[in-house]
Amino acid sequence: MLSDDYEQEQEELREKLLQLNEEIIQQEEQAGNIDRFISKVRKYLDLDELTPAILNDMVKAVYVHVPDKSSGHREQQIDISYDLVGILPASLLYDLQNGETA
């Protein structure tokens, strides 16, 4: 009985270890992607004009949502999925634009 409990605990710990290792790998990949994205952004810091080549290099997809007129005004959400990092929250982009850091 005690042996069964021990073996079950060991199996649970092995599964947890595998899960944590997968999470570490994903975090490392994400960190690498962020570093590569920052390098791309640095190339375009002093833009005078947004060209199709720059747009293709930086943006993976643009999602335009259905308009919402429930408030009496037409509002439409647009999400931009950036290459390597995905969709960044609008609040983060606003803070970065205004010189604030998280």
N, C-alpha and C. Protein backbone atom coordinates (compact mmCIF):
# COMPACT_ATOMS: atom_id res chain seq x y z
N MET A 1 0.82 -1.18 0.00
CA MET A 1 0.00 0.00 0.00
C MET A 1 0.87 1.26 0.00
N LEU A 2 1.83 1.31 0.90
CA LEU A 2 2.74 2.44 0.95
C LEU A 2 3.56 2.51 -0.34
N SER A 3 3.92 1.36 -0.86
CA SER A 3 4.67 1.28 -2.11
C SER A 3 3.86 1.83 -3.28
N ASP A 4 2.57 1.52 -3.30
CA ASP A 4 1.70 2.02 -4.37
C ASP A 4 1.61 3.54 -4.33
N ASP A 5 1.47 4.09 -3.14
CA ASP A 5 1.40 5.54 -2.98
C ASP A 5 2.70 6.20 -3.46
N TYR A 6 3.81 5.58 -3.10
CA TYR A 6 5.12 6.09 -3.50
C TYR A 6 5.27 6.07 -5.01
N GLU A 7 4.89 4.97 -5.64
CA GLU A 7 5.00 4.85 -7.09
C GLU A 7 4.08 5.85 -7.80
N GLN A 8 2.90 6.04 -7.26
CA GLN A 8 1.97 7.00 -7.86
C GLN A 8 2.53 8.42 -7.74
N GLU A 9 3.10 8.73 -6.59
CA GLU A 9 3.69 10.05 -6.40
C GLU A 9 4.86 10.27 -7.35
N GLN A 10 5.68 9.24 -7.52
CA GLN A 10 6.82 9.34 -8.44
C GLN A 10 6.34 9.58 -9.87
N GLU A 11 5.30 8.90 -10.29
CA GLU A 11 4.75 9.08 -11.64
C GLU A 11 4.20 10.50 -11.82
N GLU A 12 3.51 10.99 -10.80
CA GLU A 12 2.99 12.37 -10.86
C GLU A 12 4.13 13.38 -10.95
N LEU A 13 5.20 13.13 -10.21
CA LEU A 13 6.36 14.02 -10.25
C LEU A 13 7.05 13.98 -11.62
N ARG A 14 7.14 12.79 -12.22
CA ARG A 14 7.73 12.68 -13.56
C ARG A 14 6.90 13.47 -14.57
N GLU A 15 5.57 13.34 -14.48
CA GLU A 15 4.69 14.07 -15.40
C GLU A 15 4.83 15.58 -15.20
N LYS A 16 4.90 16.00 -13.95
CA LYS A 16 5.07 17.42 -13.64
C LYS A 16 6.39 17.93 -14.18
N LEU A 17 7.45 17.13 -14.04
CA LEU A 17 8.76 17.50 -14.55
C LEU A 17 8.74 17.68 -16.06
N LEU A 18 8.10 16.75 -16.77
CA LEU A 18 7.98 16.87 -18.22
C LEU A 18 7.22 18.13 -18.61
N GLN A 19 6.14 18.41 -17.90
CA GLN A 19 5.34 19.59 -18.17
C GLN A 19 6.16 20.86 -17.95
N LEU A 20 6.89 20.92 -16.86
CA LEU A 20 7.71 22.09 -16.56
C LEU A 20 8.84 22.27 -17.58
N ASN A 21 9.43 21.17 -18.03
CA ASN A 21 10.47 21.26 -19.06
C ASN A 21 9.90 21.81 -20.37
N GLU A 22 8.68 21.39 -20.72
CA GLU A 22 8.04 21.92 -21.93
C GLU A 22 7.78 23.41 -21.79
N GLU A 23 7.34 23.84 -20.61
CA GLU A 23 7.09 25.25 -20.37
C GLU A 23 8.38 26.06 -20.47
N ILE A 24 9.47 25.51 -19.96
CA ILE A 24 10.77 26.19 -20.04
C ILE A 24 11.17 26.36 -21.50
N ILE A 25 11.02 25.33 -22.29
CA ILE A 25 11.36 25.39 -23.71
C ILE A 25 10.52 26.46 -24.42
N GLN A 26 9.21 26.49 -24.12
CA GLN A 26 8.34 27.49 -24.73
C GLN A 26 8.75 28.91 -24.32
N GLN A 27 9.08 29.10 -23.06
CA GLN A 27 9.50 30.41 -22.58
C GLN A 27 10.81 30.85 -23.25
N GLU A 28 11.73 29.91 -23.42
CA GLU A 28 13.00 30.24 -24.09
C GLU A 28 12.77 30.62 -25.55
N GLU A 29 11.87 29.89 -26.22
CA GLU A 29 11.54 30.22 -27.61
C GLU A 29 10.89 31.60 -27.69
N GLN A 30 9.99 31.87 -26.76
CA GLN A 30 9.31 33.17 -26.75
C GLN A 30 10.31 34.30 -26.50
N ALA A 31 11.23 34.09 -25.59
CA ALA A 31 12.25 35.10 -25.31
C ALA A 31 13.11 35.36 -26.54
N GLY A 32 13.46 34.30 -27.25
CA GLY A 32 14.23 34.44 -28.49
C GLY A 32 13.46 35.20 -29.55
N ASN A 33 12.17 34.90 -29.67
CA ASN A 33 11.33 35.61 -30.63
C ASN A 33 11.22 37.09 -30.28
N ILE A 34 11.10 37.39 -29.01
CA ILE A 34 11.02 38.79 -28.59
C ILE A 34 12.32 39.51 -28.92
N ASP A 35 13.45 38.87 -28.67
CA ASP A 35 14.74 39.48 -29.00
C ASP A 35 14.85 39.75 -30.50
N ARG A 36 14.42 38.79 -31.32
CA ARG A 36 14.47 38.99 -32.77
C ARG A 36 13.50 40.10 -33.21
N PHE A 37 12.34 40.17 -32.58
CA PHE A 37 11.38 41.22 -32.90
C PHE A 37 11.95 42.60 -32.54
N ILE A 38 12.58 42.71 -31.39
CA ILE A 38 13.18 43.98 -30.98
C ILE A 38 14.27 44.39 -31.96
N SER A 39 15.04 43.45 -32.44
CA SER A 39 16.07 43.76 -33.44
C SER A 39 15.43 44.31 -34.71
N LYS A 40 14.30 43.71 -35.12
CA LYS A 40 13.59 44.21 -36.30
C LYS A 40 13.08 45.63 -36.08
N VAL A 41 12.51 45.85 -34.91
CA VAL A 41 11.95 47.17 -34.60
C VAL A 41 13.03 48.23 -34.62
N ARG A 42 14.19 47.91 -34.11
CA ARG A 42 15.29 48.88 -34.08
C ARG A 42 15.69 49.34 -35.48
N LYS A 43 15.52 48.45 -36.48
CA LYS A 43 15.85 48.84 -37.86
C LYS A 43 14.96 49.97 -38.36
N TYR A 44 13.75 50.05 -37.78
CA TYR A 44 12.76 50.98 -38.31
C TYR A 44 12.40 52.11 -37.34
N LEU A 45 13.29 52.45 -36.42
CA LEU A 45 12.97 53.46 -35.42
C LEU A 45 12.72 54.84 -36.01
N ASP A 46 13.48 55.24 -36.99
CA ASP A 46 13.37 56.59 -37.56
C ASP A 46 12.75 56.55 -38.94
N LEU A 47 11.53 56.07 -39.02
CA LEU A 47 10.84 55.97 -40.31
C LEU A 47 10.28 57.32 -40.75
N ASP A 48 10.43 57.60 -42.02
CA ASP A 48 9.75 58.75 -42.61
C ASP A 48 8.51 58.29 -43.36
N GLU A 49 8.53 57.02 -43.78
CA GLU A 49 7.43 56.51 -44.59
C GLU A 49 7.29 55.01 -44.33
N LEU A 50 6.05 54.56 -44.22
CA LEU A 50 5.77 53.14 -44.06
C LEU A 50 5.63 52.52 -45.45
N THR A 51 6.56 51.65 -45.79
CA THR A 51 6.54 51.04 -47.12
C THR A 51 5.94 49.64 -47.04
N PRO A 52 5.50 49.09 -48.17
CA PRO A 52 5.00 47.72 -48.17
C PRO A 52 6.04 46.71 -47.67
N ALA A 53 7.30 46.93 -47.97
CA ALA A 53 8.35 46.01 -47.53
C ALA A 53 8.46 46.00 -46.01
N ILE A 54 8.39 47.17 -45.40
CA ILE A 54 8.47 47.26 -43.93
C ILE A 54 7.24 46.61 -43.32
N LEU A 55 6.09 46.91 -43.88
CA LEU A 55 4.85 46.33 -43.37
C LEU A 55 4.88 44.81 -43.46
N ASN A 56 5.33 44.28 -44.56
CA ASN A 56 5.43 42.82 -44.73
C ASN A 56 6.44 42.21 -43.77
N ASP A 57 7.48 42.95 -43.44
CA ASP A 57 8.50 42.45 -42.53
C ASP A 57 8.01 42.42 -41.09
N MET A 58 7.17 43.38 -40.71
CA MET A 58 6.76 43.54 -39.32
C MET A 58 5.41 42.91 -38.97
N VAL A 59 4.49 42.86 -39.92
CA VAL A 59 3.12 42.45 -39.62
C VAL A 59 2.82 41.09 -40.23
N LYS A 60 2.28 40.21 -39.39
CA LYS A 60 1.91 38.87 -39.85
C LYS A 60 0.48 38.85 -40.37
N ALA A 61 -0.44 39.54 -39.65
CA ALA A 61 -1.85 39.55 -40.05
C ALA A 61 -2.55 40.74 -39.41
N VAL A 62 -3.66 41.17 -40.04
CA VAL A 62 -4.51 42.22 -39.50
C VAL A 62 -5.91 41.65 -39.41
N TYR A 63 -6.51 41.75 -38.22
CA TYR A 63 -7.86 41.23 -38.00
C TYR A 63 -8.81 42.41 -37.77
N VAL A 64 -9.79 42.53 -38.64
CA VAL A 64 -10.79 43.59 -38.52
C VAL A 64 -12.08 42.95 -38.05
N HIS A 65 -12.55 43.37 -36.87
CA HIS A 65 -13.74 42.79 -36.26
C HIS A 65 -15.01 43.48 -36.75
N VAL A 66 -16.13 42.87 -36.48
CA VAL A 66 -17.43 43.41 -36.85
C VAL A 66 -17.65 44.73 -36.10
N PRO A 67 -18.19 45.76 -36.76
CA PRO A 67 -18.45 47.03 -36.08
C PRO A 67 -19.47 46.87 -34.96
N ASP A 68 -19.28 47.67 -33.91
CA ASP A 68 -20.20 47.68 -32.77
C ASP A 68 -20.87 49.04 -32.72
N LYS A 69 -22.20 49.06 -32.80
CA LYS A 69 -22.96 50.31 -32.79
C LYS A 69 -23.81 50.42 -31.53
N SER A 70 -23.60 49.57 -30.54
CA SER A 70 -24.44 49.53 -29.35
C SER A 70 -24.37 50.81 -28.52
N SER A 71 -23.30 51.55 -28.59
CA SER A 71 -23.16 52.77 -27.80
C SER A 71 -23.71 53.99 -28.54
N GLY A 72 -24.22 53.79 -29.74
CA GLY A 72 -24.70 54.91 -30.53
C GLY A 72 -23.65 55.43 -31.49
N HIS A 73 -22.41 55.03 -31.26
CA HIS A 73 -21.31 55.39 -32.16
C HIS A 73 -20.76 54.11 -32.75
N ARG A 74 -20.29 54.22 -33.96
CA ARG A 74 -19.71 53.04 -34.63
C ARG A 74 -18.28 52.87 -34.15
N GLU A 75 -18.01 51.75 -33.52
CA GLU A 75 -16.66 51.41 -33.08
C GLU A 75 -16.27 50.08 -33.70
N GLN A 76 -15.03 50.00 -34.10
CA GLN A 76 -14.57 48.77 -34.74
C GLN A 76 -13.19 48.42 -34.21
N GLN A 77 -13.08 47.20 -33.71
CA GLN A 77 -11.80 46.72 -33.16
C GLN A 77 -10.94 46.18 -34.29
N ILE A 78 -9.67 46.55 -34.24
CA ILE A 78 -8.69 46.06 -35.21
C ILE A 78 -7.51 45.52 -34.41
N ASP A 79 -7.14 44.27 -34.66
CA ASP A 79 -5.99 43.66 -34.00
C ASP A 79 -4.91 43.43 -35.04
N ILE A 80 -3.69 43.79 -34.68
CA ILE A 80 -2.54 43.57 -35.56
C ILE A 80 -1.67 42.49 -34.94
N SER A 81 -1.44 41.43 -35.70
CA SER A 81 -0.56 40.36 -35.25
C SER A 81 0.83 40.61 -35.85
N TYR A 82 1.78 40.93 -34.97
CA TYR A 82 3.13 41.23 -35.41
C TYR A 82 3.93 39.95 -35.59
N ASP A 83 4.86 39.97 -36.51
CA ASP A 83 5.72 38.83 -36.75
C ASP A 83 6.51 38.51 -35.49
N LEU A 84 6.61 37.26 -35.14
CA LEU A 84 7.38 36.72 -34.02
C LEU A 84 6.73 36.89 -32.64
N VAL A 85 5.86 37.89 -32.43
CA VAL A 85 5.31 38.11 -31.09
C VAL A 85 3.79 38.05 -31.03
N GLY A 86 3.11 38.06 -32.15
CA GLY A 86 1.66 37.97 -32.14
C GLY A 86 0.99 39.30 -31.87
N ILE A 87 -0.21 39.25 -31.31
CA ILE A 87 -1.00 40.45 -31.04
C ILE A 87 -0.55 41.06 -29.71
N LEU A 88 -0.18 42.31 -29.77
CA LEU A 88 0.22 43.02 -28.55
C LEU A 88 -0.97 43.82 -28.05
N PRO A 89 -1.21 43.85 -26.74
CA PRO A 89 -2.35 44.60 -26.20
C PRO A 89 -2.22 46.09 -26.52
N ALA A 90 -3.33 46.72 -26.87
CA ALA A 90 -3.33 48.14 -27.21
C ALA A 90 -2.81 48.98 -26.05
N SER A 91 -3.13 48.60 -24.82
CA SER A 91 -2.68 49.36 -23.66
C SER A 91 -1.14 49.36 -23.56
N LEU A 92 -0.53 48.25 -23.89
CA LEU A 92 0.94 48.17 -23.87
C LEU A 92 1.53 49.08 -24.94
N LEU A 93 0.97 49.05 -26.13
CA LEU A 93 1.46 49.90 -27.22
C LEU A 93 1.28 51.38 -26.88
N TYR A 94 0.15 51.71 -26.26
CA TYR A 94 -0.10 53.10 -25.86
C TYR A 94 0.94 53.55 -24.83
N ASP A 95 1.19 52.71 -23.83
CA ASP A 95 2.19 53.04 -22.80
C ASP A 95 3.58 53.20 -23.40
N LEU A 96 3.94 52.33 -24.32
CA LEU A 96 5.25 52.42 -24.96
C LEU A 96 5.37 53.69 -25.79
N GLN A 97 4.29 54.04 -26.47
CA GLN A 97 4.30 55.24 -27.30
C GLN A 97 4.47 56.49 -26.44
N ASN A 98 3.93 56.46 -25.24
CA ASN A 98 4.01 57.61 -24.34
C ASN A 98 5.21 57.55 -23.40
N GLY A 99 6.12 56.63 -23.65
CA GLY A 99 7.34 56.56 -22.88
C GLY A 99 7.21 55.88 -21.53
N GLU A 100 6.08 55.24 -21.27
CA GLU A 100 5.90 54.54 -20.00
C GLU A 100 6.36 53.10 -20.16
N THR A 101 6.82 52.52 -19.08
CA THR A 101 7.23 51.11 -19.12
C THR A 101 6.41 50.33 -18.12
N ALA A 102 6.26 49.04 -18.41
CA ALA A 102 5.45 48.19 -17.53
C ALA A 102 6.19 47.83 -16.28
